Protein backbone atom coordinates (compact mmCIF):
# COMPACT_ATOMS: atom_id res chain seq x y z
CA MET A 1 -14.32 -15.99 9.58
CA SER A 2 -12.62 -12.43 10.65
CA GLU A 3 -13.88 -9.65 8.75
CA THR A 4 -11.77 -8.34 5.73
CA ASN A 5 -9.51 -5.53 6.86
CA TYR A 6 -8.68 -2.85 3.53
CA TRP A 7 -5.36 -0.89 3.20
CA LEU A 8 -3.84 1.32 0.39
CA VAL A 9 -0.63 1.47 -0.97
CA LYS A 10 1.05 4.33 -2.54
CA SER A 11 3.83 3.75 -5.71
CA GLU A 12 4.89 5.96 -7.82
CA PRO A 13 3.59 4.53 -11.58
CA ASN A 14 7.13 5.44 -13.15
CA THR A 15 8.75 2.79 -10.08
CA TYR A 16 5.86 0.69 -9.58
CA SER A 17 2.98 0.72 -11.14
CA ILE A 18 -0.60 -1.36 -10.96
CA SER A 19 0.37 -2.56 -14.38
CA ASP A 20 3.85 -4.01 -13.62
CA LEU A 21 1.79 -5.59 -10.77
CA GLN A 22 -0.85 -7.32 -13.08
CA ARG A 23 2.15 -8.72 -15.46
CA GLU A 24 4.24 -10.24 -12.14
CA GLN A 25 0.95 -11.23 -10.12
CA VAL A 26 2.57 -11.03 -7.02
CA THR A 27 5.28 -8.75 -5.40
CA ILE A 28 6.84 -7.91 -2.04
CA TRP A 29 6.19 -4.24 -0.92
CA ASP A 30 9.58 -3.09 0.04
CA GLY A 31 11.43 -0.26 0.53
CA VAL A 32 8.67 1.16 3.32
CA ARG A 33 11.32 3.41 5.56
CA ASN A 34 8.65 5.08 7.67
CA TYR A 35 7.95 3.39 11.18
CA GLN A 36 4.21 4.27 11.05
CA ALA A 37 3.67 2.92 7.79
CA ARG A 38 6.08 0.19 8.68
CA ASN A 39 3.89 -0.77 11.70
CA PHE A 40 0.70 -0.95 9.28
CA LEU A 41 2.72 -3.35 7.03
CA ARG A 42 2.87 -5.28 10.15
CA GLU A 43 -0.86 -5.14 11.26
CA MET A 44 -1.64 -6.65 7.79
CA GLN A 45 -3.62 -10.19 7.41
CA PRO A 46 -3.26 -12.74 4.46
CA GLY A 47 -6.67 -11.92 2.86
CA ASP A 48 -6.54 -8.42 3.85
CA ARG A 49 -7.33 -6.45 0.54
CA VAL A 50 -5.34 -3.41 -0.72
CA PHE A 51 -6.32 -0.65 -2.70
CA PHE A 52 -3.26 0.57 -5.28
CA TYR A 53 -2.81 4.08 -5.68
CA HIS A 54 -0.92 5.72 -8.10
CA SER A 55 0.97 8.96 -6.67
CA ASN A 56 2.98 11.74 -8.17
CA THR A 57 1.25 11.45 -11.02
CA MET A 58 -1.50 14.18 -12.47
CA PRO A 59 -3.98 12.93 -11.52
CA PRO A 60 -3.32 10.83 -8.77
CA GLY A 61 -5.50 8.10 -7.41
CA ILE A 62 -6.61 4.66 -6.91
CA VAL A 63 -6.05 2.35 -9.72
CA GLY A 64 -6.97 -1.29 -8.61
CA LEU A 65 -7.05 -3.74 -6.28
CA ALA A 66 -4.92 -6.43 -4.46
CA GLU A 67 -4.66 -8.95 -1.77
CA VAL A 68 -2.18 -9.44 1.08
CA SER A 69 -0.55 -13.05 0.46
CA SER A 70 1.81 -13.45 2.94
CA THR A 71 3.19 -11.67 6.02
CA ASN A 72 5.87 -10.97 8.66
CA ILE A 73 8.50 -10.86 5.30
CA ASP A 74 11.41 -9.54 6.14
CA ASP A 75 12.48 -6.48 3.27
CA PRO A 76 15.53 -7.43 1.95
CA THR A 77 16.44 -4.19 0.73
CA GLN A 78 17.42 -3.46 4.30
CA PHE A 79 20.36 -5.96 3.82
CA ASP A 80 21.51 -4.59 0.66
CA PRO A 81 24.62 -1.83 0.72
CA GLN A 82 23.74 -1.61 -2.84
CA SER A 83 20.08 0.11 -2.55
CA LYS A 84 18.43 3.34 -1.44
CA TYR A 85 16.45 1.76 1.29
CA TYR A 86 19.39 -0.17 3.01
CA ASP A 87 19.70 0.26 6.56
CA PRO A 88 23.40 -0.39 8.03
CA LYS A 89 21.40 -0.80 11.65
CA SER A 90 19.32 -3.44 10.48
CA THR A 91 20.59 -6.83 10.85
CA ILE A 92 19.84 -10.70 9.84
CA ALA A 93 19.76 -11.44 13.51
CA ALA A 94 17.54 -8.01 14.41
CA PRO A 95 15.81 -6.76 11.03
CA ARG A 96 13.83 -3.18 11.49
CA TRP A 97 12.07 -3.63 8.60
CA GLN A 98 9.00 -5.91 7.49
CA THR A 99 6.84 -6.24 4.84
CA VAL A 100 4.40 -8.29 3.13
CA GLN A 101 4.18 -9.75 0.12
CA ILE A 102 0.48 -8.81 -2.02
CA LYS A 103 -0.95 -10.33 -5.31
CA PHE A 104 -3.35 -8.52 -7.86
CA LEU A 105 -6.67 -8.85 -8.28
CA GLU A 106 -8.14 -6.38 -10.37
CA THR A 107 -7.27 -2.97 -12.47
CA PHE A 108 -10.22 -0.35 -12.20
CA PRO A 109 -11.89 0.20 -15.39
CA GLN A 110 -11.18 4.21 -14.37
CA MET A 111 -8.88 5.79 -11.56
CA ILE A 112 -11.04 7.04 -8.50
CA THR A 113 -8.75 10.37 -8.49
CA LEU A 114 -7.87 11.93 -5.12
CA GLU A 115 -10.28 15.06 -6.12
CA THR A 116 -13.18 12.08 -5.89
CA LEU A 117 -11.99 11.38 -3.09
CA LYS A 118 -11.83 14.46 -1.18
CA GLN A 119 -15.11 15.22 -2.47
CA LYS A 120 -16.68 12.46 -0.72
CA PHE A 121 -14.55 11.45 2.24
CA THR A 122 -13.61 13.63 4.96
CA PRO A 123 -10.04 13.55 6.39
CA GLU A 124 -11.39 11.03 9.61
CA GLU A 125 -13.23 8.84 7.20
CA LEU A 126 -9.92 8.33 4.83
CA GLN A 127 -6.10 9.49 6.28
CA LEU A 128 -5.15 9.49 2.29
CA VAL A 129 -7.34 13.27 2.13
CA LYS A 130 -5.79 14.68 5.01
CA THR A 131 -3.76 17.87 4.21
CA GLY A 132 -0.20 16.74 4.66
CA ASN A 133 -0.46 12.82 4.59
CA ARG A 134 2.34 11.43 3.15
CA LEU A 135 2.12 7.91 4.58
CA SER A 136 2.71 5.24 1.85
CA VAL A 137 0.84 2.44 3.54
CA MET A 138 -2.48 2.94 5.67
CA PRO A 139 -5.38 2.01 6.92
CA VAL A 140 -9.10 1.55 5.12
CA ALA A 141 -12.16 1.26 7.58
CA GLY A 142 -14.44 -1.22 5.73
CA ALA A 143 -17.44 0.90 5.17
CA ILE A 144 -15.48 3.72 3.81
CA ALA A 145 -13.36 0.69 1.52
CA GLU A 146 -17.44 -0.44 0.35
CA LYS A 147 -18.07 2.86 -0.50
CA ILE A 148 -14.97 3.39 -2.58
CA LEU A 149 -15.54 0.41 -4.46
CA ASN A 150 -18.92 1.49 -5.17
CA LEU A 151 -17.10 4.22 -6.88
């Protein structure tokens, strides 16, 4: 059996929150339009764990945990001219944007704030705390993920 990989995904809670995921139980992680973040989505495997991070809120932080349930899904928003994530260069025959489906696992009893994460981890350990990091999807090393889960 392969080792569980860990990831972190960011969402603004007024756009899509951990409560929305808990209510719906599963969602596709659509609308990612950064190539590095998309490539991380392509690396995800079913069973991988996902830290759910609320961004653009005070304070920002990790609020829960999800699991990758399906992978290699063409992001439907790329084909929808009404979507702000529409990509006219993307076609059904040659889609540019793939995503994953995640399922809700748990909401943490309290948020693990960005400030706490900055106190506990260096930028080399956790990409999230790197100054200027704007990625909405990023890997988290297993040893660091275990430390986060123990917080």
